Amino acid sequence: APIPAYAAGWMQDGGRTAYELEDGSRPKDTWMELEG
């Protein structure tokens, strides 16, 4: 099976907003700066 590739960016999950990193993980319990 091919290894899935991820593109970092915003995503919707159950009506809530998350941010997916390049490795497929999400930042949790943390601050993050995006585009200033």
PDB file of all heavy atoms in Angstrom:
ATOM      1  N   ALA A   1       0.849  -1.197   0.000  1.00  0.00           N
ATOM      2  CA  ALA A   1       0.000   0.000   0.000  1.00  0.00           C
ATOM      3  C   ALA A   1       0.887   1.252   0.000  1.00  0.00           C
ATOM      4  O   ALA A   1       1.896   1.297   0.712  1.00  0.00           O
ATOM      5  CB  ALA A   1      -0.911   0.004   1.229  1.00  0.00           C
ATOM      6  N   PRO A   2       0.562   2.238  -0.795  1.00  0.00           N
ATOM      7  CA  PRO A   2       1.393   3.444  -0.828  1.00  0.00           C
ATOM      8  C   PRO A   2       1.318   4.199   0.494  1.00  0.00           C
ATOM      9  O   PRO A   2       0.296   4.196   1.181  1.00  0.00           O
ATOM     10  CB  PRO A   2       0.753   4.268  -1.956  1.00  0.00           C
ATOM     11  CG  PRO A   2      -0.657   3.783  -2.014  1.00  0.00           C
ATOM     12  CD  PRO A   2      -0.596   2.322  -1.672  1.00  0.00           C
ATOM     13  N   ILE A   3       2.425   4.801   0.874  1.00  0.00           N
ATOM     14  CA  ILE A   3       2.462   5.613   2.097  1.00  0.00           C
ATOM     15  C   ILE A   3       1.735   6.919   1.828  1.00  0.00           C
ATOM     16  O   ILE A   3       2.053   7.621   0.876  1.00  0.00           O
ATOM     17  CB  ILE A   3       3.919   5.898   2.515  1.00  0.00           C
ATOM     18  CG1 ILE A   3       4.632   4.574   2.814  1.00  0.00           C
ATOM     19  CG2 ILE A   3       3.958   6.829   3.721  1.00  0.00           C
ATOM     20  CD1 ILE A   3       6.098   4.745   3.111  1.00  0.00           C
ATOM     21  N   PRO A   4       0.727   7.238   2.644  1.00  0.00           N
ATOM     22  CA  PRO A   4      -0.034   8.455   2.366  1.00  0.00           C
ATOM     23  C   PRO A   4       0.828   9.701   2.506  1.00  0.00           C
ATOM     24  O   PRO A   4       1.705   9.770   3.367  1.00  0.00           O
ATOM     25  CB  PRO A   4      -1.145   8.431   3.425  1.00  0.00           C
ATOM     26  CG  PRO A   4      -0.622   7.556   4.513  1.00  0.00           C
ATOM     27  CD  PRO A   4       0.248   6.530   3.844  1.00  0.00           C
ATOM     28  N   ALA A   5       0.593  10.676   1.635  1.00  0.00           N
ATOM     29  CA  ALA A   5       1.317  11.948   1.689  1.00  0.00           C
ATOM     30  C   ALA A   5       0.376  13.012   2.220  1.00  0.00           C
ATOM     31  O   ALA A   5      -0.809  13.016   1.903  1.00  0.00           O
ATOM     32  CB  ALA A   5       1.818  12.332   0.299  1.00  0.00           C
ATOM     33  N   TYR A   6       0.901  13.922   3.045  1.00  0.00           N
ATOM     34  CA  TYR A   6       0.084  14.954   3.652  1.00  0.00           C
ATOM     35  C   TYR A   6       0.573  16.327   3.215  1.00  0.00           C
ATOM     36  O   TYR A   6       1.760  16.553   3.036  1.00  0.00           O
ATOM     37  CB  TYR A   6       0.147  14.856   5.183  1.00  0.00           C
ATOM     38  CG  TYR A   6      -0.417  13.563   5.729  1.00  0.00           C
ATOM     39  CD1 TYR A   6       0.416  12.478   5.983  1.00  0.00           C
ATOM     40  CD2 TYR A   6      -1.773  13.417   5.962  1.00  0.00           C
ATOM     41  CE1 TYR A   6      -0.098  11.282   6.484  1.00  0.00           C
ATOM     42  CE2 TYR A   6      -2.295  12.232   6.460  1.00  0.00           C
ATOM     43  CZ  TYR A   6      -1.456  11.171   6.717  1.00  0.00           C
ATOM     44  OH  TYR A   6      -1.970   9.997   7.195  1.00  0.00           O
ATOM     45  N   ALA A   7      -0.355  17.224   3.069  1.00  0.00           N
ATOM     46  CA  ALA A   7      -0.038  18.627   2.815  1.00  0.00           C
ATOM     47  C   ALA A   7      -0.538  19.414   4.012  1.00  0.00           C
ATOM     48  O   ALA A   7      -1.715  19.336   4.377  1.00  0.00           O
ATOM     49  CB  ALA A   7      -0.717  19.115   1.535  1.00  0.00           C
ATOM     50  N   ALA A   8       0.370  20.132   4.657  1.00  0.00           N
ATOM     51  CA  ALA A   8      -0.005  20.885   5.843  1.00  0.00           C
ATOM     52  C   ALA A   8      -1.102  21.880   5.505  1.00  0.00           C
ATOM     53  O   ALA A   8      -1.084  22.517   4.455  1.00  0.00           O
ATOM     54  CB  ALA A   8       1.206  21.606   6.414  1.00  0.00           C
ATOM     55  N   GLY A   9      -2.077  22.026   6.416  1.00  0.00           N
ATOM     56  CA  GLY A   9      -3.130  22.993   6.183  1.00  0.00           C
ATOM     57  C   GLY A   9      -4.311  22.784   7.111  1.00  0.00           C
ATOM     58  O   GLY A   9      -4.372  21.824   7.888  1.00  0.00           O
ATOM     59  N   TRP A  10      -5.249  23.729   7.031  1.00  0.00           N
ATOM     60  CA  TRP A  10      -6.450  23.671   7.856  1.00  0.00           C
ATOM     61  C   TRP A  10      -7.382  22.566   7.361  1.00  0.00           C
ATOM     62  O   TRP A  10      -7.429  22.270   6.168  1.00  0.00           O
ATOM     63  CB  TRP A  10      -7.173  25.008   7.820  1.00  0.00           C
ATOM     64  CG  TRP A  10      -6.416  26.120   8.484  1.00  0.00           C
ATOM     65  CD1 TRP A  10      -5.682  27.095   7.874  1.00  0.00           C
ATOM     66  CD2 TRP A  10      -6.310  26.350   9.885  1.00  0.00           C
ATOM     67  NE1 TRP A  10      -5.123  27.936   8.801  1.00  0.00           N
ATOM     68  CE2 TRP A  10      -5.490  27.502  10.058  1.00  0.00           C
ATOM     69  CE3 TRP A  10      -6.817  25.729  11.013  1.00  0.00           C
ATOM     70  CZ2 TRP A  10      -5.183  28.018  11.301  1.00  0.00           C
ATOM     71  CZ3 TRP A  10      -6.508  26.231  12.261  1.00  0.00           C
ATOM     72  CH2 TRP A  10      -5.704  27.367  12.402  1.00  0.00           C
ATOM     73  N   MET A  11      -8.146  21.999   8.291  1.00  0.00           N
ATOM     74  CA  MET A  11      -9.098  20.952   7.944  1.00  0.00           C
ATOM     75  C   MET A  11     -10.294  21.033   8.886  1.00  0.00           C
ATOM     76  O   MET A  11     -10.218  21.606   9.977  1.00  0.00           O
ATOM     77  CB  MET A  11      -8.440  19.573   8.044  1.00  0.00           C
ATOM     78  CG  MET A  11      -7.935  19.225   9.446  1.00  0.00           C
ATOM     79  SD  MET A  11      -7.270  17.549   9.567  1.00  0.00           S
ATOM     80  CE  MET A  11      -8.754  16.585   9.284  1.00  0.00           C
ATOM     81  N   GLN A  12     -11.418  20.495   8.453  1.00  0.00           N
ATOM     82  CA  GLN A  12     -12.621  20.407   9.255  1.00  0.00           C
ATOM     83  C   GLN A  12     -12.827  18.964   9.707  1.00  0.00           C
ATOM     84  O   GLN A  12     -12.687  18.032   8.916  1.00  0.00           O
ATOM     85  CB  GLN A  12     -13.841  20.889   8.464  1.00  0.00           C
ATOM     86  CG  GLN A  12     -13.831  22.372   8.130  1.00  0.00           C
ATOM     87  CD  GLN A  12     -13.977  23.223   9.372  1.00  0.00           C
ATOM     88  OE1 GLN A  12     -14.840  22.972  10.231  1.00  0.00           O
ATOM     89  NE2 GLN A  12     -13.144  24.250   9.484  1.00  0.00           N
ATOM     90  N   ASP A  13     -13.162  18.795  10.974  1.00  0.00           N
ATOM     91  CA  ASP A  13     -13.385  17.466  11.533  1.00  0.00           C
ATOM     92  C   ASP A  13     -14.607  17.541  12.448  1.00  0.00           C
ATOM     93  O   ASP A  13     -14.538  18.102  13.546  1.00  0.00           O
ATOM     94  CB  ASP A  13     -12.147  17.019  12.320  1.00  0.00           C
ATOM     95  CG  ASP A  13     -12.286  15.591  12.851  1.00  0.00           C
ATOM     96  OD1 ASP A  13     -13.378  15.009  12.722  1.00  0.00           O
ATOM     97  OD2 ASP A  13     -11.308  15.063  13.410  1.00  0.00           O
ATOM     98  N   GLY A  14     -15.733  17.005  11.971  1.00  0.00           N
ATOM     99  CA  GLY A  14     -16.938  17.041  12.780  1.00  0.00           C
ATOM    100  C   GLY A  14     -17.432  18.437  13.074  1.00  0.00           C
ATOM    101  O   GLY A  14     -17.972  18.691  14.152  1.00  0.00           O
ATOM    102  N   GLY A  15     -17.222  19.346  12.131  1.00  0.00           N
ATOM    103  CA  GLY A  15     -17.673  20.717  12.318  1.00  0.00           C
ATOM    104  C   GLY A  15     -16.710  21.583  13.101  1.00  0.00           C
ATOM    105  O   GLY A  15     -16.993  22.760  13.331  1.00  0.00           O
ATOM    106  N   ARG A  16     -15.583  21.041  13.512  1.00  0.00           N
ATOM    107  CA  ARG A  16     -14.573  21.815  14.243  1.00  0.00           C
ATOM    108  C   ARG A  16     -13.317  21.936  13.391  1.00  0.00           C
ATOM    109  O   ARG A  16     -13.074  21.133  12.488  1.00  0.00           O
ATOM    110  CB  ARG A  16     -14.253  21.160  15.594  1.00  0.00           C
ATOM    111  CG  ARG A  16     -15.465  20.998  16.489  1.00  0.00           C
ATOM    112  CD  ARG A  16     -15.087  20.364  17.815  1.00  0.00           C
ATOM    113  NE  ARG A  16     -14.224  21.257  18.593  1.00  0.00           N
ATOM    114  CZ  ARG A  16     -13.655  20.891  19.755  1.00  0.00           C
ATOM    115  NH1 ARG A  16     -13.830  19.653  20.219  1.00  0.00           N
ATOM    116  NH2 ARG A  16     -12.901  21.753  20.415  1.00  0.00           N
ATOM    117  N   THR A  17     -12.510  22.958  13.695  1.00  0.00           N
ATOM    118  CA  THR A  17     -11.347  23.271  12.868  1.00  0.00           C
ATOM    119  C   THR A  17     -10.066  22.760  13.523  1.00  0.00           C
ATOM    120  O   THR A  17      -9.849  22.941  14.727  1.00  0.00           O
ATOM    121  CB  THR A  17     -11.236  24.788  12.660  1.00  0.00           C
ATOM    122  OG1 THR A  17     -12.441  25.262  12.051  1.00  0.00           O
ATOM    123  CG2 THR A  17     -10.056  25.126  11.753  1.00  0.00           C
ATOM    124  N   ALA A  18      -9.232  22.109  12.716  1.00  0.00           N
ATOM    125  CA  ALA A  18      -7.928  21.622  13.176  1.00  0.00           C
ATOM    126  C   ALA A  18      -6.885  21.987  12.124  1.00  0.00           C
ATOM    127  O   ALA A  18      -7.221  22.456  11.031  1.00  0.00           O
ATOM    128  CB  ALA A  18      -7.966  20.114  13.408  1.00  0.00           C
ATOM    129  N   TYR A  19      -5.624  21.762  12.469  1.00  0.00           N
ATOM    130  CA  TYR A  19      -4.533  22.021  11.528  1.00  0.00           C
ATOM    131  C   TYR A  19      -3.685  20.761  11.427  1.00  0.00           C
ATOM    132  O   TYR A  19      -3.224  20.211  12.437  1.00  0.00           O
ATOM    133  CB  TYR A  19      -3.670  23.190  11.994  1.00  0.00           C
ATOM    134  CG  TYR A  19      -2.671  23.642  10.948  1.00  0.00           C
ATOM    135  CD1 TYR A  19      -3.038  24.578   9.989  1.00  0.00           C
ATOM    136  CD2 TYR A  19      -1.387  23.117  10.900  1.00  0.00           C
ATOM    137  CE1 TYR A  19      -2.147  24.984   9.007  1.00  0.00           C
ATOM    138  CE2 TYR A  19      -0.492  23.521   9.917  1.00  0.00           C
ATOM    139  CZ  TYR A  19      -0.877  24.449   8.978  1.00  0.00           C
ATOM    140  OH  TYR A  19       0.005  24.849   7.995  1.00  0.00           O
ATOM    141  N   GLU A  20      -3.503  20.288  10.212  1.00  0.00           N
ATOM    142  CA  GLU A  20      -2.735  19.072   9.992  1.00  0.00           C
ATOM    143  C   GLU A  20      -1.336  19.426   9.517  1.00  0.00           C
ATOM    144  O   GLU A  20      -1.164  20.215   8.587  1.00  0.00           O
ATOM    145  CB  GLU A  20      -3.441  18.179   8.973  1.00  0.00           C
ATOM    146  CG  GLU A  20      -2.838  16.782   8.878  1.00  0.00           C
ATOM    147  CD  GLU A  20      -3.717  15.860   8.046  1.00  0.00           C
ATOM    148  OE1 GLU A  20      -3.834  16.095   6.836  1.00  0.00           O
ATOM    149  OE2 GLU A  20      -4.300  14.915   8.611  1.00  0.00           O
ATOM    150  N   LEU A  21      -0.332  18.829  10.167  1.00  0.00           N
ATOM    151  CA  LEU A  21       1.066  19.065   9.805  1.00  0.00           C
ATOM    152  C   LEU A  21       1.485  18.154   8.654  1.00  0.00           C
ATOM    153  O   LEU A  21       0.741  17.263   8.239  1.00  0.00           O
ATOM    154  CB  LEU A  21       1.950  18.832  11.027  1.00  0.00           C
ATOM    155  CG  LEU A  21       1.633  19.705  12.246  1.00  0.00           C
ATOM    156  CD1 LEU A  21       2.434  19.251  13.449  1.00  0.00           C
ATOM    157  CD2 LEU A  21       1.896  21.167  11.938  1.00  0.00           C
ATOM    158  N   GLU A  22       2.709  18.376   8.159  1.00  0.00           N
ATOM    159  CA  GLU A  22       3.182  17.608   7.001  1.00  0.00           C
ATOM    160  C   GLU A  22       3.242  16.112   7.272  1.00  0.00           C
ATOM    161  O   GLU A  22       3.106  15.298   6.356  1.00  0.00           O
ATOM    162  CB  GLU A  22       4.568  18.101   6.567  1.00  0.00           C
ATOM    163  CG  GLU A  22       4.574  19.462   5.908  1.00  0.00           C
ATOM    164  CD  GLU A  22       4.767  20.581   6.926  1.00  0.00           C
ATOM    165  OE1 GLU A  22       4.568  20.337   8.140  1.00  0.00           O
ATOM    166  OE2 GLU A  22       5.114  21.700   6.496  1.00  0.00           O
ATOM    167  N   ASP A  23       3.465  15.725   8.545  1.00  0.00           N
ATOM    168  CA  ASP A  23       3.567  14.299   8.856  1.00  0.00           C
ATOM    169  C   ASP A  23       2.224  13.672   9.196  1.00  0.00           C
ATOM    170  O   ASP A  23       2.146  12.513   9.593  1.00  0.00           O
ATOM    171  CB  ASP A  23       4.558  14.072  10.001  1.00  0.00           C
ATOM    172  CG  ASP A  23       4.133  14.761  11.290  1.00  0.00           C
ATOM    173  OD1 ASP A  23       3.060  15.406  11.291  1.00  0.00           O
ATOM    174  OD2 ASP A  23       4.874  14.667  12.281  1.00  0.00           O
ATOM    175  N   GLY A  24       1.132  14.443   9.055  1.00  0.00           N
ATOM    176  CA  GLY A  24      -0.191  13.911   9.318  1.00  0.00           C
ATOM    177  C   GLY A  24      -0.667  14.093  10.744  1.00  0.00           C
ATOM    178  O   GLY A  24      -1.819  13.799  11.050  1.00  0.00           O
ATOM    179  N   SER A  25       0.207  14.588  11.637  1.00  0.00           N
ATOM    180  CA  SER A  25      -0.196  14.810  13.022  1.00  0.00           C
ATOM    181  C   SER A  25      -0.838  16.181  13.176  1.00  0.00           C
ATOM    182  O   SER A  25      -0.843  16.986  12.238  1.00  0.00           O
ATOM    183  CB  SER A  25       1.013  14.700  13.945  1.00  0.00           C
ATOM    184  OG  SER A  25       1.928  15.765  13.675  1.00  0.00           O
ATOM    185  N   ARG A  26      -1.389  16.431  14.360  1.00  0.00           N
ATOM    186  CA  ARG A  26      -1.981  17.723  14.658  1.00  0.00           C
ATOM    187  C   ARG A  26      -1.313  18.318  15.897  1.00  0.00           C
ATOM    188  O   ARG A  26      -0.986  17.584  16.835  1.00  0.00           O
ATOM    189  CB  ARG A  26      -3.475  17.579  14.944  1.00  0.00           C
ATOM    190  CG  ARG A  26      -4.307  17.008  13.830  1.00  0.00           C
ATOM    191  CD  ARG A  26      -5.764  16.944  14.282  1.00  0.00           C
ATOM    192  NE  ARG A  26      -6.611  16.245  13.327  1.00  0.00           N
ATOM    193  CZ  ARG A  26      -7.901  16.017  13.519  1.00  0.00           C
ATOM    194  NH1 ARG A  26      -8.496  16.442  14.630  1.00  0.00           N
ATOM    195  NH2 ARG A  26      -8.601  15.374  12.615  1.00  0.00           N
ATOM    196  N   PRO A  27      -1.129  19.630  15.935  1.00  0.00           N
ATOM    197  CA  PRO A  27      -0.656  20.255  17.171  1.00  0.00           C
ATOM    198  C   PRO A  27      -1.735  20.149  18.242  1.00  0.00           C
ATOM    199  O   PRO A  27      -2.911  20.378  17.970  1.00  0.00           O
ATOM    200  CB  PRO A  27      -0.409  21.711  16.752  1.00  0.00           C
ATOM    201  CG  PRO A  27      -1.289  21.923  15.566  1.00  0.00           C
ATOM    202  CD  PRO A  27      -1.362  20.614  14.859  1.00  0.00           C
ATOM    203  N   LYS A  28      -1.335  19.774  19.479  1.00  0.00           N
ATOM    204  CA  LYS A  28      -2.288  19.606  20.568  1.00  0.00           C
ATOM    205  C   LYS A  28      -1.777  20.288  21.826  1.00  0.00           C
ATOM    206  O   LYS A  28      -0.573  20.244  22.122  1.00  0.00           O
ATOM    207  CB  LYS A  28      -2.536  18.116  20.858  1.00  0.00           C
ATOM    208  CG  LYS A  28      -3.171  17.354  19.712  1.00  0.00           C
ATOM    209  CD  LYS A  28      -3.404  15.887  20.073  1.00  0.00           C
ATOM    210  CE  LYS A  28      -4.071  15.140  18.910  1.00  0.00           C
ATOM    211  NZ  LYS A  28      -4.315  13.711  19.250  1.00  0.00           N
ATOM    212  N   ASP A  29      -2.708  20.913  22.553  1.00  0.00           N
ATOM    213  CA  ASP A  29      -2.392  21.561  23.826  1.00  0.00           C
ATOM    214  C   ASP A  29      -1.194  22.497  23.666  1.00  0.00           C
ATOM    215  O   ASP A  29      -0.243  22.464  24.438  1.00  0.00           O
ATOM    216  CB  ASP A  29      -2.110  20.504  24.897  1.00  0.00           C
ATOM    217  CG  ASP A  29      -2.141  21.108  26.300  1.00  0.00           C
ATOM    218  OD1 ASP A  29      -2.764  22.175  26.472  1.00  0.00           O
ATOM    219  OD2 ASP A  29      -1.516  20.523  27.200  1.00  0.00           O
ATOM    220  N   THR A  30      -1.257  23.358  22.633  1.00  0.00           N
ATOM    221  CA  THR A  30      -0.100  24.198  22.312  1.00  0.00           C
ATOM    222  C   THR A  30      -0.514  25.433  21.536  1.00  0.00           C
ATOM    223  O   THR A  30      -1.586  25.470  20.919  1.00  0.00           O
ATOM    224  CB  THR A  30       0.928  23.392  21.499  1.00  0.00           C
ATOM    225  OG1 THR A  30       2.109  24.171  21.329  1.00  0.00           O
ATOM    226  CG2 THR A  30       0.393  23.048  20.123  1.00  0.00           C
ATOM    227  N   TRP A  31       0.337  26.451  21.596  1.00  0.00           N
ATOM    228  CA  TRP A  31       0.204  27.626  20.739  1.00  0.00           C
ATOM    229  C   TRP A  31       0.908  27.364  19.414  1.00  0.00           C
ATOM    230  O   TRP A  31       1.911  26.654  19.370  1.00  0.00           O
ATOM    231  CB  TRP A  31       0.851  28.844  21.396  1.00  0.00           C
ATOM    232  CG  TRP A  31       0.101  29.404  22.559  1.00  0.00           C
ATOM    233  CD1 TRP A  31       0.336  29.144  23.877  1.00  0.00           C
ATOM    234  CD2 TRP A  31      -1.002  30.310  22.513  1.00  0.00           C
ATOM    235  NE1 TRP A  31      -0.553  29.832  24.661  1.00  0.00           N
ATOM    236  CE2 TRP A  31      -1.393  30.562  23.854  1.00  0.00           C
ATOM    237  CE3 TRP A  31      -1.702  30.922  21.477  1.00  0.00           C
ATOM    238  CZ2 TRP A  31      -2.441  31.415  24.174  1.00  0.00           C
ATOM    239  CZ3 TRP A  31      -2.748  31.766  21.797  1.00  0.00           C
ATOM    240  CH2 TRP A  31      -3.114  32.007  23.126  1.00  0.00           C
ATOM    241  N   MET A  32       0.394  27.971  18.362  1.00  0.00           N
ATOM    242  CA  MET A  32       1.034  27.828  17.056  1.00  0.00           C
ATOM    243  C   MET A  32       0.839  29.120  16.266  1.00  0.00           C
ATOM    244  O   MET A  32      -0.256  29.688  16.246  1.00  0.00           O
ATOM    245  CB  MET A  32       0.439  26.650  16.290  1.00  0.00           C
ATOM    246  CG  MET A  32       1.092  26.370  14.950  1.00  0.00           C
ATOM    247  SD  MET A  32       0.431  24.850  14.206  1.00  0.00           S
ATOM    248  CE  MET A  32       1.392  24.774  12.698  1.00  0.00           C
ATOM    249  N   GLU A  33       1.901  29.598  15.640  1.00  0.00           N
ATOM    250  CA  GLU A  33       1.838  30.799  14.815  1.00  0.00           C
ATOM    251  C   GLU A  33       1.722  30.392  13.346  1.00  0.00           C
ATOM    252  O   GLU A  33       2.543  29.630  12.837  1.00  0.00           O
ATOM    253  CB  GLU A  33       3.066  31.669  14.993  1.00  0.00           C
ATOM    254  CG  GLU A  33       2.963  32.989  14.233  1.00  0.00           C
ATOM    255  CD  GLU A  33       4.279  33.746  14.215  1.00  0.00           C
ATOM    256  OE1 GLU A  33       5.323  33.092  14.387  1.00  0.00           O
ATOM    257  OE2 GLU A  33       4.255  34.963  14.033  1.00  0.00           O
ATOM    258  N   LEU A  34       0.696  30.914  12.673  1.00  0.00           N
ATOM    259  CA  LEU A  34       0.483  30.622  11.262  1.00  0.00           C
ATOM    260  C   LEU A  34       0.285  31.933  10.522  1.00  0.00           C
ATOM    261  O   LEU A  34      -0.645  32.681  10.824  1.00  0.00           O
ATOM    262  CB  LEU A  34      -0.746  29.719  11.071  1.00  0.00           C
ATOM    263  CG  LEU A  34      -0.640  28.306  11.640  1.00  0.00           C
ATOM    264  CD1 LEU A  34      -2.002  27.647  11.667  1.00  0.00           C
ATOM    265  CD2 LEU A  34       0.336  27.484  10.817  1.00  0.00           C
ATOM    266  N   GLU A  35       1.180  32.207   9.588  1.00  0.00           N
ATOM    267  CA  GLU A  35       1.081  33.391   8.741  1.00  0.00           C
ATOM    268  C   GLU A  35       0.907  34.668   9.566  1.00  0.00           C
ATOM    269  O   GLU A  35       0.095  35.533   9.258  1.00  0.00           O
ATOM    270  CB  GLU A  35      -0.053  33.234   7.726  1.00  0.00           C
ATOM    271  CG  GLU A  35       0.179  32.081   6.763  1.00  0.00           C
ATOM    272  CD  GLU A  35      -0.941  31.926   5.753  1.00  0.00           C
ATOM    273  OE1 GLU A  35      -2.000  32.555   5.941  1.00  0.00           O
ATOM    274  OE2 GLU A  35      -0.758  31.165   4.789  1.00  0.00           O
ATOM    275  N   GLY A  36       1.674  34.766  10.644  1.00  0.00           N
ATOM    276  CA  GLY A  36       1.697  35.994  11.431  1.00  0.00           C
ATOM    277  C   GLY A  36       0.634  36.098  12.499  1.00  0.00           C
ATOM    278  O   GLY A  36       0.614  37.082  13.243  1.00  0.00           O
TER     279      GLY A  36
END
